[in-house]
Amino acid sequence: MINSGEKNPKKIIQAMKEMITPLSSRIDYISIVDSESLREVKNISGKVLIALAVWFGKTRLIDNIVVNADTLTKR
């Protein structure tokens, strides 16, 4: 979505929830934050960190990725 130009973190988080929820999981958190200050962003630009924690049964999976929205190629 970011690669396609989406800058609203709420829309991206909602789409992620819709993809994850049907997998019999429980979302602990999904956050999109500034990659340096770790503060939530209102608009995606520059480098952002997308982090999430999701429970699958008794296992809690944690993952994150840094995305530089300014260098992505729009499709």
C-alpha atoms as a PDB file:
ATOM      1  CA  MET A   1       0.000   0.000   0.000  1.00  0.00           C
ATOM      2  CA  ILE A   2       2.851   2.372   0.807  1.00  0.00           C
ATOM      3  CA  ASN A   3       4.480   1.472  -2.496  1.00  0.00           C
ATOM      4  CA  SER A   4       1.233   2.466  -4.208  1.00  0.00           C
ATOM      5  CA  GLY A   5       1.258   5.861  -2.502  1.00  0.00           C
ATOM      6  CA  GLU A   6      -0.855   5.344   0.624  1.00  0.00           C
ATOM      7  CA  LYS A   7       0.318   7.758   3.342  1.00  0.00           C
ATOM      8  CA  ASN A   8      -2.376   7.188   5.985  1.00  0.00           C
ATOM      9  CA  PRO A   9      -1.051   4.803   8.655  1.00  0.00           C
ATOM     10  CA  LYS A  10      -4.568   4.080   9.963  1.00  0.00           C
ATOM     11  CA  LYS A  11      -5.618   2.677   6.583  1.00  0.00           C
ATOM     12  CA  ILE A  12      -2.528   0.487   6.388  1.00  0.00           C
ATOM     13  CA  ILE A  13      -2.975  -0.807   9.950  1.00  0.00           C
ATOM     14  CA  GLN A  14      -6.646  -1.589   9.240  1.00  0.00           C
ATOM     15  CA  ALA A  15      -5.710  -3.535   6.101  1.00  0.00           C
ATOM     16  CA  MET A  16      -3.097  -5.485   8.075  1.00  0.00           C
ATOM     17  CA  LYS A  17      -5.689  -6.330  10.744  1.00  0.00           C
ATOM     18  CA  GLU A  18      -8.102  -7.561   8.069  1.00  0.00           C
ATOM     19  CA  MET A  19      -5.401  -9.855   6.641  1.00  0.00           C
ATOM     20  CA  ILE A  20      -4.262 -11.232  10.011  1.00  0.00           C
ATOM     21  CA  THR A  21      -7.539 -11.640  11.935  1.00  0.00           C
ATOM     22  CA  PRO A  22      -8.961 -14.513   9.835  1.00  0.00           C
ATOM     23  CA  LEU A  23      -5.888 -16.594  10.676  1.00  0.00           C
ATOM     24  CA  SER A  24      -7.239 -17.578  14.129  1.00  0.00           C
ATOM     25  CA  SER A  25      -4.918 -15.109  15.759  1.00  0.00           C
ATOM     26  CA  ARG A  26      -5.036 -12.344  18.347  1.00  0.00           C
ATOM     27  CA  ILE A  27      -3.282  -9.096  17.495  1.00  0.00           C
ATOM     28  CA  ASP A  28      -1.318  -7.627  20.384  1.00  0.00           C
ATOM     29  CA  TYR A  29      -0.295  -4.498  18.485  1.00  0.00           C
ATOM     30  CA  ILE A  30       0.430  -3.030  15.063  1.00  0.00           C
ATOM     31  CA  SER A  31       2.306   0.273  14.986  1.00  0.00           C
ATOM     32  CA  ILE A  32       3.732   2.549  12.335  1.00  0.00           C
ATOM     33  CA  VAL A  33       6.294   4.876  13.892  1.00  0.00           C
ATOM     34  CA  ASP A  34       9.164   7.162  12.950  1.00  0.00           C
ATOM     35  CA  SER A  35      12.205   4.882  12.588  1.00  0.00           C
ATOM     36  CA  GLU A  36      14.419   7.105  14.757  1.00  0.00           C
ATOM     37  CA  SER A  37      12.163   8.630  17.435  1.00  0.00           C
ATOM     38  CA  LEU A  38       9.742   5.652  17.591  1.00  0.00           C
ATOM     39  CA  ARG A  39       6.848   8.116  17.811  1.00  0.00           C
ATOM     40  CA  GLU A  40       3.642   7.270  15.976  1.00  0.00           C
ATOM     41  CA  VAL A  41       3.292   9.051  12.656  1.00  0.00           C
ATOM     42  CA  LYS A  42       0.165  10.771  11.352  1.00  0.00           C
ATOM     43  CA  ASN A  43       1.401  10.729   7.775  1.00  0.00           C
ATOM     44  CA  ILE A  44       3.854   8.270   6.266  1.00  0.00           C
ATOM     45  CA  SER A  45       6.978   9.893   4.851  1.00  0.00           C
ATOM     46  CA  GLY A  46      10.661   9.151   5.070  1.00  0.00           C
ATOM     47  CA  LYS A  47      11.739   6.101   7.042  1.00  0.00           C
ATOM     48  CA  VAL A  48       9.058   4.470   9.157  1.00  0.00           C
ATOM     49  CA  LEU A  49       9.135   1.328  11.273  1.00  0.00           C
ATOM     50  CA  ILE A  50       6.182  -1.023  10.955  1.00  0.00           C
ATOM     51  CA  ALA A  51       6.068  -3.304  13.993  1.00  0.00           C
ATOM     52  CA  LEU A  52       3.580  -5.900  15.138  1.00  0.00           C
ATOM     53  CA  ALA A  53       3.048  -8.660  17.656  1.00  0.00           C
ATOM     54  CA  VAL A  54       0.460 -11.362  17.036  1.00  0.00           C
ATOM     55  CA  TRP A  55      -0.566 -14.393  19.075  1.00  0.00           C
ATOM     56  CA  PHE A  56      -1.135 -17.702  17.307  1.00  0.00           C
ATOM     57  CA  GLY A  57      -2.344 -20.013  20.029  1.00  0.00           C
ATOM     58  CA  LYS A  58       0.258 -19.816  22.815  1.00  0.00           C
ATOM     59  CA  THR A  59       2.964 -18.437  20.535  1.00  0.00           C
ATOM     60  CA  ARG A  60       3.578 -14.688  20.280  1.00  0.00           C
ATOM     61  CA  LEU A  61       5.241 -13.674  17.027  1.00  0.00           C
ATOM     62  CA  ILE A  62       6.972 -10.302  16.783  1.00  0.00           C
ATOM     63  CA  ASP A  63       8.185  -8.738  13.549  1.00  0.00           C
ATOM     64  CA  ASN A  64       9.160  -5.351  12.155  1.00  0.00           C
ATOM     65  CA  ILE A  65      10.420  -3.721   8.988  1.00  0.00           C
ATOM     66  CA  VAL A  66      11.839  -0.303   8.150  1.00  0.00           C
ATOM     67  CA  VAL A  67      10.333   1.227   5.024  1.00  0.00           C
ATOM     68  CA  ASN A  68      11.606   4.362   3.323  1.00  0.00           C
ATOM     69  CA  ALA A  69       8.436   5.778   1.799  1.00  0.00           C
ATOM     70  CA  ASP A  70      10.361   8.469  -0.070  1.00  0.00           C
ATOM     71  CA  THR A  71      12.329   5.984  -2.177  1.00  0.00           C
ATOM     72  CA  LEU A  72       9.563   3.545  -3.104  1.00  0.00           C
ATOM     73  CA  THR A  73       8.478   3.421  -6.709  1.00  0.00           C
ATOM     74  CA  LYS A  74       4.789   3.977  -7.264  1.00  0.00           C
ATOM     75  CA  ARG A  75       3.116   1.316  -9.357  1.00  0.00           C
END
